[in-house]
Amino acid sequence: MISVRGLSKTFYTSSGPVHALDNVTFSVNAGEVLGIYGPSGAGKTTLLRCLALLERPDSGEILFKDENVLLVSGEKLRQLRMKIGVVFQGYNLLFSRTALRNVMLPLEIQGFDRQEACSLASTALDMVGLSHRKQFMPSHLSGGEKQRVAIARALVTEPEVLILDEPTSALDRRTAESILELIQAINGRTGITVLIVTHQTELVGAICNRHIYINNGVLSEPGFDLEQGLQAAPGSGETT
């Protein structure tokens, strides 16, 4: 589904260059759940933004079904972005909209008429078990419910890839486990490819088919022991 080859990204700051990604190479199989682990500041978010086509790397390739997405632009790029659903850390919900209208937003941007957008958004909220809260404002939803709305919004355009940035970091353990069970159920039901960016190995590891570890913008050597947690991996510096 996705092949990343030699991806590098450097940010230039007043303190000097920061190598957020350094020759990162890996692949993601169709339908798998891949965990991308690493400490805070390891380069995970930069990698996520590159995969979501929100950030351009300095060098390397990102192939989506064998097509280098870094070479496309305009309408074709917009269509590619619609195949990748992203759930950002912090939910990024619009507090002036109900849960339903938050989920409708990507469809409205695409030009769907209001009735069809409403129907599709309602179906997406049903999928995440939140149909009974669709008319609630985000300020009246719990953290777990906000996360479910964000997931529904990412799924409403029927993407082929779902990327989640720290989906459990702001949740208590029971709520976090319910969100992970939901992600696993969606993957099993739809076959969607899932990438989970996280530092919480003890929670997220259980639902991943495979994992990669990143620190200082560099992928770890094969054989990183997930059960030993992040302390087992070499390096402790931080990047972007």
C-alpha atoms as a PDB file:
ATOM      1  CA  MET A   1       0.000   0.000   0.000  1.00  0.00           C
ATOM      2  CA  ILE A   2       2.723   2.484   1.005  1.00  0.00           C
ATOM      3  CA  SER A   3       6.475   2.452   0.401  1.00  0.00           C
ATOM      4  CA  VAL A   4       8.717   5.091   1.990  1.00  0.00           C
ATOM      5  CA  ARG A   5      12.218   5.308   0.548  1.00  0.00           C
ATOM      6  CA  GLY A   6      15.071   7.413   1.873  1.00  0.00           C
ATOM      7  CA  LEU A   7      12.831  10.083   3.410  1.00  0.00           C
ATOM      8  CA  SER A   8      14.741  13.017   4.924  1.00  0.00           C
ATOM      9  CA  LYS A   9      13.574  16.330   6.363  1.00  0.00           C
ATOM     10  CA  THR A  10      15.614  19.076   8.033  1.00  0.00           C
ATOM     11  CA  PHE A  11      14.258  22.180   9.743  1.00  0.00           C
ATOM     12  CA  TYR A  12      16.519  25.199  10.089  1.00  0.00           C
ATOM     13  CA  THR A  13      16.171  27.039  13.389  1.00  0.00           C
ATOM     14  CA  SER A  14      18.013  29.813  15.189  1.00  0.00           C
ATOM     15  CA  SER A  15      19.846  27.089  17.114  1.00  0.00           C
ATOM     16  CA  GLY A  16      20.932  25.330  13.960  1.00  0.00           C
ATOM     17  CA  PRO A  17      19.591  22.552  11.719  1.00  0.00           C
ATOM     18  CA  VAL A  18      17.288  19.914  13.170  1.00  0.00           C
ATOM     19  CA  HIS A  19      17.263  16.604  11.301  1.00  0.00           C
ATOM     20  CA  ALA A  20      13.679  15.492  11.871  1.00  0.00           C
ATOM     21  CA  LEU A  21      13.903  12.548   9.440  1.00  0.00           C
ATOM     22  CA  ASP A  22      17.115  10.929   8.277  1.00  0.00           C
ATOM     23  CA  ASN A  23      16.941   8.457   5.378  1.00  0.00           C
ATOM     24  CA  VAL A  24      13.771   6.745   6.641  1.00  0.00           C
ATOM     25  CA  THR A  25      12.764   3.652   4.661  1.00  0.00           C
ATOM     26  CA  PHE A  26       9.915   1.208   5.348  1.00  0.00           C
ATOM     27  CA  SER A  27       6.766  -0.211   3.789  1.00  0.00           C
ATOM     28  CA  VAL A  28       3.167  -0.728   4.870  1.00  0.00           C
ATOM     29  CA  ASN A  29       1.126  -3.665   3.639  1.00  0.00           C
ATOM     30  CA  ALA A  30      -2.495  -3.283   2.614  1.00  0.00           C
ATOM     31  CA  GLY A  31      -4.865  -3.951   5.486  1.00  0.00           C
ATOM     32  CA  GLU A  32      -2.288  -4.104   8.263  1.00  0.00           C
ATOM     33  CA  VAL A  33      -2.139  -2.101  11.481  1.00  0.00           C
ATOM     34  CA  LEU A  34       1.346  -0.594  11.790  1.00  0.00           C
ATOM     35  CA  GLY A  35       2.573   1.014  14.997  1.00  0.00           C
ATOM     36  CA  ILE A  36       5.090   3.867  14.688  1.00  0.00           C
ATOM     37  CA  TYR A  37       6.718   4.291  18.088  1.00  0.00           C
ATOM     38  CA  GLY A  38       9.218   6.695  19.584  1.00  0.00           C
ATOM     39  CA  PRO A  39       9.687   9.201  22.407  1.00  0.00           C
ATOM     40  CA  SER A  40       8.380  12.743  22.289  1.00  0.00           C
ATOM     41  CA  GLY A  41      10.268  14.755  19.688  1.00  0.00           C
ATOM     42  CA  ALA A  42      11.602  11.692  17.860  1.00  0.00           C
ATOM     43  CA  GLY A  43      10.326  12.731  14.424  1.00  0.00           C
ATOM     44  CA  LYS A  44       7.010  10.861  14.508  1.00  0.00           C
ATOM     45  CA  THR A  45       4.811  13.882  13.776  1.00  0.00           C
ATOM     46  CA  THR A  46       7.021  15.023  10.903  1.00  0.00           C
ATOM     47  CA  LEU A  47       6.773  11.516   9.434  1.00  0.00           C
ATOM     48  CA  LEU A  48       2.995  11.578   9.883  1.00  0.00           C
ATOM     49  CA  ARG A  49       2.693  14.943   8.140  1.00  0.00           C
ATOM     50  CA  CYS A  50       4.781  13.693   5.221  1.00  0.00           C
ATOM     51  CA  LEU A  51       2.668  10.539   4.885  1.00  0.00           C
ATOM     52  CA  ALA A  52      -0.519  12.626   5.043  1.00  0.00           C
ATOM     53  CA  LEU A  53       0.872  14.859   2.245  1.00  0.00           C
ATOM     54  CA  LEU A  54       0.817  17.886   4.556  1.00  0.00           C
ATOM     55  CA  GLU A  55       4.615  18.304   4.635  1.00  0.00           C
ATOM     56  CA  ARG A  56       7.101  17.871   1.809  1.00  0.00           C
ATOM     57  CA  PRO A  57      10.346  16.049   2.642  1.00  0.00           C
ATOM     58  CA  ASP A  58      13.679  17.387   1.424  1.00  0.00           C
ATOM     59  CA  SER A  59      14.470  14.109  -0.330  1.00  0.00           C
ATOM     60  CA  GLY A  60      13.163  10.591  -0.778  1.00  0.00           C
ATOM     61  CA  GLU A  61       9.990   9.028  -2.124  1.00  0.00           C
ATOM     62  CA  ILE A  62       6.533   8.172  -0.817  1.00  0.00           C
ATOM     63  CA  LEU A  63       4.827   5.614  -3.033  1.00  0.00           C
ATOM     64  CA  PHE A  64       1.097   5.035  -2.702  1.00  0.00           C
ATOM     65  CA  LYS A  65       0.220   1.921  -4.684  1.00  0.00           C
ATOM     66  CA  ASP A  66       3.521   2.293  -6.595  1.00  0.00           C
ATOM     67  CA  GLU A  67       2.897   5.947  -7.523  1.00  0.00           C
ATOM     68  CA  ASN A  68       5.259   8.584  -6.147  1.00  0.00           C
ATOM     69  CA  VAL A  69       2.828  11.003  -4.546  1.00  0.00           C
ATOM     70  CA  LEU A  70       5.521  13.686  -4.249  1.00  0.00           C
ATOM     71  CA  LEU A  71       5.422  14.131  -8.018  1.00  0.00           C
ATOM     72  CA  VAL A  72       1.706  14.911  -8.279  1.00  0.00           C
ATOM     73  CA  SER A  73      -0.057  18.238  -7.766  1.00  0.00           C
ATOM     74  CA  GLY A  74      -3.330  20.044  -8.311  1.00  0.00           C
ATOM     75  CA  GLU A  75      -6.526  18.014  -8.552  1.00  0.00           C
ATOM     76  CA  LYS A  76      -4.708  14.682  -8.497  1.00  0.00           C
ATOM     77  CA  LEU A  77      -3.020  15.610  -5.220  1.00  0.00           C
ATOM     78  CA  ARG A  78      -6.376  16.604  -3.739  1.00  0.00           C
ATOM     79  CA  GLN A  79      -7.820  13.222  -4.742  1.00  0.00           C
ATOM     80  CA  LEU A  80      -4.867  11.412  -3.202  1.00  0.00           C
ATOM     81  CA  ARG A  81      -5.316  13.280   0.066  1.00  0.00           C
ATOM     82  CA  MET A  82      -8.906  12.083   0.219  1.00  0.00           C
ATOM     83  CA  LYS A  83      -7.616   8.493   0.249  1.00  0.00           C
ATOM     84  CA  ILE A  84      -5.754   9.196   3.492  1.00  0.00           C
ATOM     85  CA  GLY A  85      -7.776   9.892   6.634  1.00  0.00           C
ATOM     86  CA  VAL A  86      -5.936  11.586   9.487  1.00  0.00           C
ATOM     87  CA  VAL A  87      -6.903  11.841  13.163  1.00  0.00           C
ATOM     88  CA  PHE A  88      -4.746  14.524  14.755  1.00  0.00           C
ATOM     89  CA  GLN A  89      -3.682  14.637  18.371  1.00  0.00           C
ATOM     90  CA  GLY A  90      -6.105  16.938  20.189  1.00  0.00           C
ATOM     91  CA  TYR A  91      -9.061  15.988  17.909  1.00  0.00           C
ATOM     92  CA  ASN A  92      -9.127  19.331  15.989  1.00  0.00           C
ATOM     93  CA  LEU A  93     -12.922  19.543  16.170  1.00  0.00           C
ATOM     94  CA  LEU A  94     -14.729  22.779  15.387  1.00  0.00           C
ATOM     95  CA  PHE A  95     -16.470  23.804  18.597  1.00  0.00           C
ATOM     96  CA  SER A  96     -19.089  25.835  16.727  1.00  0.00           C
ATOM     97  CA  ARG A  97     -20.401  22.664  15.036  1.00  0.00           C
ATOM     98  CA  THR A  98     -22.252  19.648  16.385  1.00  0.00           C
ATOM     99  CA  ALA A  99     -20.660  16.213  16.202  1.00  0.00           C
ATOM    100  CA  LEU A 100     -22.665  15.507  13.039  1.00  0.00           C
ATOM    101  CA  ARG A 101     -21.648  18.730  11.337  1.00  0.00           C
ATOM    102  CA  ASN A 102     -17.998  18.151  12.248  1.00  0.00           C
ATOM    103  CA  VAL A 103     -18.139  14.820  10.434  1.00  0.00           C
ATOM    104  CA  MET A 104     -19.958  16.423   7.487  1.00  0.00           C
ATOM    105  CA  LEU A 105     -17.183  18.987   6.974  1.00  0.00           C
ATOM    106  CA  PRO A 106     -14.881  16.988   4.628  1.00  0.00           C
ATOM    107  CA  LEU A 107     -17.882  16.127   2.454  1.00  0.00           C
ATOM    108  CA  GLU A 108     -18.995  19.748   2.299  1.00  0.00           C
ATOM    109  CA  ILE A 109     -15.487  20.728   1.208  1.00  0.00           C
ATOM    110  CA  GLN A 110     -15.726  18.122  -1.560  1.00  0.00           C
ATOM    111  CA  GLY A 111     -19.007  19.612  -2.752  1.00  0.00           C
ATOM    112  CA  PHE A 112     -21.509  17.026  -1.526  1.00  0.00           C
ATOM    113  CA  ASP A 113     -25.040  18.371  -1.125  1.00  0.00           C
ATOM    114  CA  ARG A 114     -26.164  18.818   2.455  1.00  0.00           C
ATOM    115  CA  GLN A 115     -28.627  15.924   2.539  1.00  0.00           C
ATOM    116  CA  GLU A 116     -26.129  13.363   1.245  1.00  0.00           C
ATOM    117  CA  ALA A 117     -23.376  14.706   3.496  1.00  0.00           C
ATOM    118  CA  CYS A 118     -25.708  14.416   6.485  1.00  0.00           C
ATOM    119  CA  SER A 119     -26.609  10.825   5.606  1.00  0.00           C
ATOM    120  CA  LEU A 120     -22.989   9.734   5.140  1.00  0.00           C
ATOM    121  CA  ALA A 121     -21.894  11.503   8.326  1.00  0.00           C
ATOM    122  CA  SER A 122     -24.676   9.790  10.293  1.00  0.00           C
ATOM    123  CA  THR A 123     -23.487   6.419   8.981  1.00  0.00           C
ATOM    124  CA  ALA A 124     -19.906   7.222  10.022  1.00  0.00           C
ATOM    125  CA  LEU A 125     -21.054   8.166  13.529  1.00  0.00           C
ATOM    126  CA  ASP A 126     -23.021   4.906  13.710  1.00  0.00           C
ATOM    127  CA  MET A 127     -19.796   3.062  12.833  1.00  0.00           C
ATOM    128  CA  VAL A 128     -18.000   4.549  15.838  1.00  0.00           C
ATOM    129  CA  GLY A 129     -20.960   3.995  18.184  1.00  0.00           C
ATOM    130  CA  LEU A 130     -21.915   7.641  18.572  1.00  0.00           C
ATOM    131  CA  SER A 131     -25.214   8.048  16.746  1.00  0.00           C
ATOM    132  CA  HIS A 132     -26.921   8.998  20.012  1.00  0.00           C
ATOM    133  CA  ARG A 133     -24.614  12.008  20.442  1.00  0.00           C
ATOM    134  CA  LYS A 134     -24.592  13.408  16.923  1.00  0.00           C
ATOM    135  CA  GLN A 135     -26.426  16.635  17.822  1.00  0.00           C
ATOM    136  CA  PHE A 136     -24.145  17.388  20.784  1.00  0.00           C
ATOM    137  CA  MET A 137     -21.559  20.153  20.667  1.00  0.00           C
ATOM    138  CA  PRO A 138     -17.924  19.112  21.295  1.00  0.00           C
ATOM    139  CA  SER A 139     -17.945  20.980  24.626  1.00  0.00           C
ATOM    140  CA  HIS A 140     -20.574  18.500  25.843  1.00  0.00           C
ATOM    141  CA  LEU A 141     -18.658  15.392  24.767  1.00  0.00           C
ATOM    142  CA  SER A 142     -16.131  13.402  26.782  1.00  0.00           C
ATOM    143  CA  GLY A 143     -12.559  12.928  25.567  1.00  0.00           C
ATOM    144  CA  GLY A 144     -13.358   9.463  24.266  1.00  0.00           C
ATOM    145  CA  GLU A 145     -16.433  10.753  22.443  1.00  0.00           C
ATOM    146  CA  LYS A 146     -14.436  13.563  20.834  1.00  0.00           C
ATOM    147  CA  GLN A 147     -11.922  10.985  19.632  1.00  0.00           C
ATOM    148  CA  ARG A 148     -14.723   8.918  18.120  1.00  0.00           C
ATOM    149  CA  VAL A 149     -16.055  11.989  16.296  1.00  0.00           C
ATOM    150  CA  ALA A 150     -12.556  12.671  14.953  1.00  0.00           C
ATOM    151  CA  ILE A 151     -12.287   9.062  13.757  1.00  0.00           C
ATOM    152  CA  ALA A 152     -15.717   9.260  12.100  1.00  0.00           C
ATOM    153  CA  ARG A 153     -14.687  12.477  10.334  1.00  0.00           C
ATOM    154  CA  ALA A 154     -11.531  10.771   9.039  1.00  0.00           C
ATOM    155  CA  LEU A 155     -13.535   7.783   7.790  1.00  0.00           C
ATOM    156  CA  VAL A 156     -16.459   9.594   6.189  1.00  0.00           C
ATOM    157  CA  THR A 157     -14.690   9.993   2.827  1.00  0.00           C
ATOM    158  CA  GLU A 158     -13.974   6.225   2.771  1.00  0.00           C
ATOM    159  CA  PRO A 159     -10.164   6.515   2.730  1.00  0.00           C
ATOM    160  CA  GLU A 160      -7.865   3.560   2.052  1.00  0.00           C
ATOM    161  CA  VAL A 161      -5.415   4.563   4.788  1.00  0.00           C
ATOM    162  CA  LEU A 162      -6.147   5.835   8.310  1.00  0.00           C
ATOM    163  CA  ILE A 163      -3.366   7.607  10.227  1.00  0.00           C
ATOM    164  CA  LEU A 164      -3.835   8.351  13.933  1.00  0.00           C
ATOM    165  CA  ASP A 165      -1.511  10.646  15.882  1.00  0.00           C
ATOM    166  CA  GLU A 166      -1.331   9.657  19.579  1.00  0.00           C
ATOM    167  CA  PRO A 167      -4.974   8.470  19.644  1.00  0.00           C
ATOM    168  CA  THR A 168      -4.884   7.445  23.319  1.00  0.00           C
ATOM    169  CA  SER A 169      -2.523   9.944  24.936  1.00  0.00           C
ATOM    170  CA  ALA A 170      -5.209  12.186  26.483  1.00  0.00           C
ATOM    171  CA  LEU A 171      -7.518   9.367  27.615  1.00  0.00           C
ATOM    172  CA  ASP A 172      -7.796   7.267  30.743  1.00  0.00           C
ATOM    173  CA  ARG A 173      -6.837   3.625  30.322  1.00  0.00           C
ATOM    174  CA  ARG A 174     -10.361   2.212  30.019  1.00  0.00           C
ATOM    175  CA  THR A 175     -11.386   4.810  27.430  1.00  0.00           C
ATOM    176  CA  ALA A 176      -8.096   4.338  25.568  1.00  0.00           C
ATOM    177  CA  GLU A 177      -8.667   0.593  25.373  1.00  0.00           C
ATOM    178  CA  SER A 178     -12.183   1.136  24.012  1.00  0.00           C
ATOM    179  CA  ILE A 179     -10.802   3.425  21.284  1.00  0.00           C
ATOM    180  CA  LEU A 180      -8.184   0.822  20.334  1.00  0.00           C
ATOM    181  CA  GLU A 181     -10.859  -1.874  20.220  1.00  0.00           C
ATOM    182  CA  LEU A 182     -12.842   0.405  17.901  1.00  0.00           C
ATOM    183  CA  ILE A 183      -9.830   0.921  15.600  1.00  0.00           C
ATOM    184  CA  GLN A 184      -9.208  -2.812  15.505  1.00  0.00           C
ATOM    185  CA  ALA A 185     -12.883  -3.499  14.721  1.00  0.00           C
ATOM    186  CA  ILE A 186     -12.902  -0.927  11.891  1.00  0.00           C
ATOM    187  CA  ASN A 187      -9.752  -2.472  10.439  1.00  0.00           C
ATOM    188  CA  GLY A 188     -11.288  -5.934  10.599  1.00  0.00           C
ATOM    189  CA  ARG A 189     -14.607  -4.806   9.122  1.00  0.00           C
ATOM    190  CA  THR A 190     -13.329  -2.598   6.292  1.00  0.00           C
ATOM    191  CA  GLY A 191      -9.785  -3.818   5.635  1.00  0.00           C
ATOM    192  CA  ILE A 192      -8.501  -0.252   5.876  1.00  0.00           C
ATOM    193  CA  THR A 193      -4.739   0.148   6.359  1.00  0.00           C
ATOM    194  CA  VAL A 194      -3.992   1.767   9.736  1.00  0.00           C
ATOM    195  CA  LEU A 195      -0.897   3.615  10.947  1.00  0.00           C
ATOM    196  CA  ILE A 196      -0.800   4.534  14.631  1.00  0.00           C
ATOM    197  CA  VAL A 197       1.790   7.084  15.742  1.00  0.00           C
ATOM    198  CA  THR A 198       2.331   6.797  19.494  1.00  0.00           C
ATOM    199  CA  HIS A 199       4.692   6.623  22.442  1.00  0.00           C
ATOM    200  CA  GLN A 200       2.324   4.368  24.418  1.00  0.00           C
ATOM    201  CA  THR A 201       3.697   0.965  23.480  1.00  0.00           C
ATOM    202  CA  GLU A 202       2.045  -0.797  26.401  1.00  0.00           C
ATOM    203  CA  LEU A 203      -1.432   0.120  25.123  1.00  0.00           C
ATOM    204  CA  VAL A 204      -1.201   0.290  21.357  1.00  0.00           C
ATOM    205  CA  GLY A 205       1.154  -2.625  20.752  1.00  0.00           C
ATOM    206  CA  ALA A 206      -1.567  -5.220  21.312  1.00  0.00           C
ATOM    207  CA  ILE A 207      -3.541  -4.290  18.182  1.00  0.00           C
ATOM    208  CA  CYS A 208      -0.589  -3.814  15.799  1.00  0.00           C
ATOM    209  CA  ASN A 209       0.444  -6.452  13.288  1.00  0.00           C
ATOM    210  CA  ARG A 210       3.894  -4.896  13.104  1.00  0.00           C
ATOM    211  CA  HIS A 211       5.828  -1.943  14.486  1.00  0.00           C
ATOM    212  CA  ILE A 212       8.715   0.356  13.684  1.00  0.00           C
ATOM    213  CA  TYR A 213      10.655   2.509  16.134  1.00  0.00           C
ATOM    214  CA  ILE A 214      11.962   6.002  15.375  1.00  0.00           C
ATOM    215  CA  ASN A 215      14.273   8.201  17.421  1.00  0.00           C
ATOM    216  CA  ASN A 216      16.335  11.229  16.381  1.00  0.00           C
ATOM    217  CA  GLY A 217      14.647  10.906  12.996  1.00  0.00           C
ATOM    218  CA  VAL A 218      16.196   7.479  12.380  1.00  0.00           C
ATOM    219  CA  LEU A 219      14.454   4.097  12.299  1.00  0.00           C
ATOM    220  CA  SER A 220      15.761   1.526  14.751  1.00  0.00           C
ATOM    221  CA  GLU A 221      17.565  -1.604  13.695  1.00  0.00           C
ATOM    222  CA  PRO A 222      15.305  -4.637  13.108  1.00  0.00           C
ATOM    223  CA  GLY A 223      14.572  -6.635  16.217  1.00  0.00           C
ATOM    224  CA  PHE A 224      13.567  -3.833  18.588  1.00  0.00           C
ATOM    225  CA  ASP A 225      11.878  -5.535  21.527  1.00  0.00           C
ATOM    226  CA  LEU A 226       8.456  -3.917  21.890  1.00  0.00           C
ATOM    227  CA  GLU A 227       7.748  -5.708  25.184  1.00  0.00           C
ATOM    228  CA  GLN A 228      10.717  -3.998  26.808  1.00  0.00           C
ATOM    229  CA  GLY A 229       9.282  -0.610  25.853  1.00  0.00           C
ATOM    230  CA  LEU A 230      11.051   2.465  24.621  1.00  0.00           C
ATOM    231  CA  GLN A 231      13.825   2.155  27.213  1.00  0.00           C
ATOM    232  CA  ALA A 232      15.205  -0.801  25.265  1.00  0.00           C
ATOM    233  CA  ALA A 233      15.918   1.272  22.175  1.00  0.00           C
ATOM    234  CA  PRO A 234      19.183   3.136  21.658  1.00  0.00           C
ATOM    235  CA  GLY A 235      19.374   6.920  21.764  1.00  0.00           C
ATOM    236  CA  SER A 236      17.542   9.436  23.893  1.00  0.00           C
ATOM    237  CA  GLY A 237      17.883  12.722  22.013  1.00  0.00           C
ATOM    238  CA  GLU A 238      14.909  14.627  20.689  1.00  0.00           C
ATOM    239  CA  THR A 239      14.048  16.257  17.369  1.00  0.00           C
ATOM    240  CA  THR A 240      10.943  17.751  15.842  1.00  0.00           C
END
